[in-house]
Amino acid sequence: MEKSKHCELCDLQSSNLKEGIICSLTNKKGEFNIQCSKIKLGKKLKEKLFEINGEYEDTRYTKKLALMHCALYSLIGVLVIYLAYYISIQLLKNGFFSTLTITILVIGLSIICIGIGSLNFYKRKLDIIVPRKKVLDKLTNIYRIKYSFKSVISTDIMGIKETTNQLHIEGQVIEKKKRY
């Protein structure tokens, strides 16, 4: 694991343009094997715990929505494609051919693609946040920090999402609410 990952959680971190994140005590990059003996875990750690765990829980919430969107849009798309098929059969029986059926078919396929797009969005979010969460959890294990994170996410009828996140760490409970 990169030593800079340890430093990102430390309240003693500093930075400069030449070296990036450095220790404010030594003015050098971190010099340790497994864990830093000078690390001060406090405010920055709690911020990272909220940020990464909040994104992780939000991504898990997005999974349900992505699956529902995919199913709904796929169903609508299949119905539109069937409509195009039905119209083309009726027109061919009467000796006509219309490009309208091709247009309807393309619309049906586009609707299915919208549903698949929501699954792709979820997958991309998951591919980003899961490695970050694994690194954070590995670091908290290295420094023997036990925490729990609870998140309640709801969306109202107007599409406004409200999250209530609770972090339990070192006997302290920190709660943050957000609406967006």
Protein backbone atom coordinates (compact mmCIF):
# COMPACT_ATOMS: atom_id res chain seq x y z
CA MET A 1 0.00 0.00 0.00
CA GLU A 2 1.21 3.50 -0.77
CA LYS A 3 2.50 5.44 2.19
CA SER A 4 0.66 8.51 0.96
CA LYS A 5 -2.63 6.71 1.74
CA HIS A 6 -1.64 6.77 5.42
CA CYS A 7 -0.72 10.44 5.14
CA GLU A 8 -4.08 11.33 3.56
CA LEU A 9 -5.77 10.36 6.85
CA CYS A 10 -3.28 12.12 9.11
CA ASP A 11 -4.01 15.52 10.65
CA LEU A 12 -0.27 16.30 10.49
CA GLN A 13 -0.09 16.15 6.71
CA SER A 14 1.25 18.99 4.70
CA SER A 15 1.97 19.35 1.03
CA ASN A 16 4.24 21.09 -1.39
CA LEU A 17 4.30 21.31 -5.15
CA LYS A 18 7.54 19.38 -5.51
CA GLU A 19 6.84 16.28 -3.38
CA GLY A 20 3.06 16.26 -2.87
CA ILE A 21 1.80 15.10 0.53
CA ILE A 22 4.50 15.27 3.22
CA CYS A 23 4.66 15.08 7.00
CA SER A 24 4.56 18.48 8.71
CA LEU A 25 6.79 17.14 11.48
CA THR A 26 9.68 16.01 9.25
CA ASN A 27 8.94 17.95 6.04
CA LYS A 28 9.57 14.69 4.16
CA LYS A 29 7.52 11.93 2.64
CA GLY A 30 6.44 9.22 5.08
CA GLU A 31 9.24 6.91 6.17
CA PHE A 32 7.81 3.79 7.79
CA ASN A 33 7.23 0.11 7.01
CA ILE A 34 3.72 -0.92 8.00
CA GLN A 35 2.39 1.92 10.11
CA CYS A 36 3.52 5.40 11.03
CA SER A 37 4.35 5.93 14.70
CA LYS A 38 3.77 9.69 14.42
CA ILE A 39 0.37 9.55 12.73
CA LYS A 40 -2.40 11.65 14.25
CA LEU A 41 -5.80 10.31 13.26
CA GLY A 42 -8.62 12.68 14.00
CA LYS A 43 -10.52 15.16 11.88
CA LYS A 44 -9.21 14.03 8.46
CA LEU A 45 -9.88 10.39 9.26
CA LYS A 46 -13.47 11.15 10.23
CA GLU A 47 -13.93 13.22 7.05
CA LYS A 48 -12.63 10.34 4.91
CA LEU A 49 -14.80 7.83 6.76
CA PHE A 50 -17.87 9.96 6.06
CA GLU A 51 -16.91 10.65 2.45
CA ILE A 52 -16.01 7.13 1.35
CA ASN A 53 -18.61 5.24 3.37
CA GLY A 54 -21.28 7.75 2.31
CA GLU A 55 -20.40 7.25 -1.36
CA TYR A 56 -20.36 3.48 -0.85
CA GLU A 57 -23.82 3.45 0.74
CA ASP A 58 -25.14 5.81 -1.94
CA THR A 59 -23.82 3.44 -4.61
CA ARG A 60 -25.55 0.52 -2.92
CA TYR A 61 -28.78 2.55 -2.93
CA THR A 62 -28.23 3.33 -6.62
CA LYS A 63 -28.11 -0.40 -7.38
CA LYS A 64 -31.78 -0.85 -6.50
CA LEU A 65 -32.75 2.11 -8.66
CA ALA A 66 -30.56 0.95 -11.56
CA LEU A 67 -32.12 -2.51 -11.53
CA MET A 68 -35.63 -1.06 -11.40
CA HIS A 69 -34.86 1.36 -14.23
CA CYS A 70 -33.33 -1.38 -16.34
CA ALA A 71 -36.35 -3.66 -15.86
CA LEU A 72 -38.88 -0.89 -16.47
CA TYR A 73 -37.19 0.59 -19.54
CA SER A 74 -36.53 -2.87 -20.98
CA LEU A 75 -40.20 -3.76 -20.61
CA ILE A 76 -41.30 -0.50 -22.23
CA GLY A 77 -38.72 -0.94 -24.99
CA VAL A 78 -39.91 -4.49 -25.74
CA LEU A 79 -43.51 -3.28 -25.87
CA VAL A 80 -42.57 -0.51 -28.31
CA ILE A 81 -40.64 -3.01 -30.47
CA TYR A 82 -43.67 -5.30 -30.44
CA LEU A 83 -45.82 -2.34 -31.48
CA ALA A 84 -43.49 -1.71 -34.42
CA TYR A 85 -43.70 -5.39 -35.36
CA TYR A 86 -47.50 -5.40 -35.12
CA ILE A 87 -47.85 -2.25 -37.23
CA SER A 88 -45.46 -3.57 -39.88
CA ILE A 89 -47.39 -6.89 -40.12
CA GLN A 90 -50.70 -5.03 -40.49
CA LEU A 91 -49.25 -2.73 -43.15
CA LEU A 92 -47.68 -5.65 -45.07
CA LYS A 93 -51.03 -7.48 -45.06
CA ASN A 94 -52.53 -4.47 -46.82
CA GLY A 95 -49.62 -4.23 -49.24
CA PHE A 96 -47.93 -1.20 -47.70
CA PHE A 97 -44.49 -0.58 -46.29
CA SER A 98 -43.69 2.39 -44.10
CA THR A 99 -40.51 3.70 -42.59
CA LEU A 100 -42.60 4.60 -39.56
CA THR A 101 -42.17 1.04 -38.26
CA ILE A 102 -38.38 1.34 -38.53
CA THR A 103 -38.53 4.61 -36.58
CA ILE A 104 -40.67 3.00 -33.87
CA LEU A 105 -38.26 0.04 -33.73
CA VAL A 106 -35.30 2.40 -33.23
CA ILE A 107 -37.21 4.24 -30.48
CA GLY A 108 -37.85 0.90 -28.74
CA LEU A 109 -34.17 -0.03 -28.91
CA SER A 110 -33.21 3.43 -27.59
CA ILE A 111 -35.52 2.98 -24.62
CA ILE A 112 -33.85 -0.34 -23.79
CA CYS A 113 -30.43 1.37 -24.04
CA ILE A 114 -31.54 3.94 -21.44
CA GLY A 115 -32.22 1.11 -18.97
CA ILE A 116 -28.87 -0.50 -19.70
CA GLY A 117 -27.20 2.89 -19.28
CA SER A 118 -28.40 3.13 -15.69
CA LEU A 119 -26.78 -0.24 -14.96
CA ASN A 120 -23.53 0.94 -16.58
CA PHE A 121 -23.60 4.08 -14.42
CA TYR A 122 -24.00 1.96 -11.29
CA LYS A 123 -21.16 -0.36 -12.36
CA ARG A 124 -18.78 2.56 -12.99
CA LYS A 125 -19.60 4.07 -9.58
CA LEU A 126 -19.02 0.69 -7.94
CA ASP A 127 -15.68 0.19 -9.71
CA ILE A 128 -14.48 3.52 -8.29
CA ILE A 129 -15.75 3.36 -4.71
CA VAL A 130 -15.10 -0.29 -3.76
CA PRO A 131 -11.27 -0.05 -4.07
CA ARG A 132 -11.29 3.21 -2.10
CA LYS A 133 -13.37 1.60 0.66
CA LYS A 134 -11.08 -1.45 0.77
CA VAL A 135 -8.01 0.78 1.20
CA LEU A 136 -9.74 2.80 3.94
CA ASP A 137 -10.84 -0.35 5.79
CA LYS A 138 -7.34 -1.82 5.48
CA LEU A 139 -5.84 1.35 6.98
CA THR A 140 -8.31 1.40 9.87
CA ASN A 141 -7.41 -2.24 10.58
CA ILE A 142 -3.68 -1.43 10.53
CA TYR A 143 -4.22 1.30 13.14
CA ARG A 144 -6.78 -0.82 15.07
CA ILE A 145 -9.56 1.69 14.66
CA LYS A 146 -13.00 0.24 15.02
CA TYR A 147 -15.90 2.11 13.51
CA SER A 148 -19.39 1.49 12.25
CA PHE A 149 -21.27 3.48 9.67
CA LYS A 150 -25.02 3.60 9.20
CA SER A 151 -26.76 5.33 6.37
CA VAL A 152 -30.45 5.94 5.76
CA ILE A 153 -31.24 7.14 2.25
CA SER A 154 -34.65 8.10 0.98
CA THR A 155 -36.01 9.88 -2.06
CA ASP A 156 -39.23 11.85 -1.93
CA ILE A 157 -41.82 12.13 -4.66
CA MET A 158 -40.07 15.18 -6.14
CA GLY A 159 -36.80 13.24 -6.52
CA ILE A 160 -35.02 14.99 -3.66
CA LYS A 161 -32.69 12.56 -1.94
CA GLU A 162 -32.14 12.80 1.79
CA THR A 163 -29.33 10.97 3.53
CA THR A 164 -28.71 10.58 7.22
CA ASN A 165 -25.26 9.19 7.97
CA GLN A 166 -24.06 8.10 11.41
CA LEU A 167 -20.45 7.33 12.23
CA HIS A 168 -19.70 5.50 15.48
CA ILE A 169 -16.00 5.80 16.26
CA GLU A 170 -14.10 5.63 19.54
CA GLY A 171 -17.28 5.93 21.63
CA GLN A 172 -18.34 9.03 19.72
CA VAL A 173 -21.39 9.32 17.46
CA ILE A 174 -21.30 11.85 14.63
CA GLU A 175 -24.37 12.39 12.48
CA LYS A 176 -24.69 14.31 9.23
CA LYS A 177 -27.79 14.95 7.16
CA LYS A 178 -27.80 16.00 3.56
CA ARG A 179 -30.51 16.83 1.03
CA TYR A 180 -29.84 17.02 -2.68
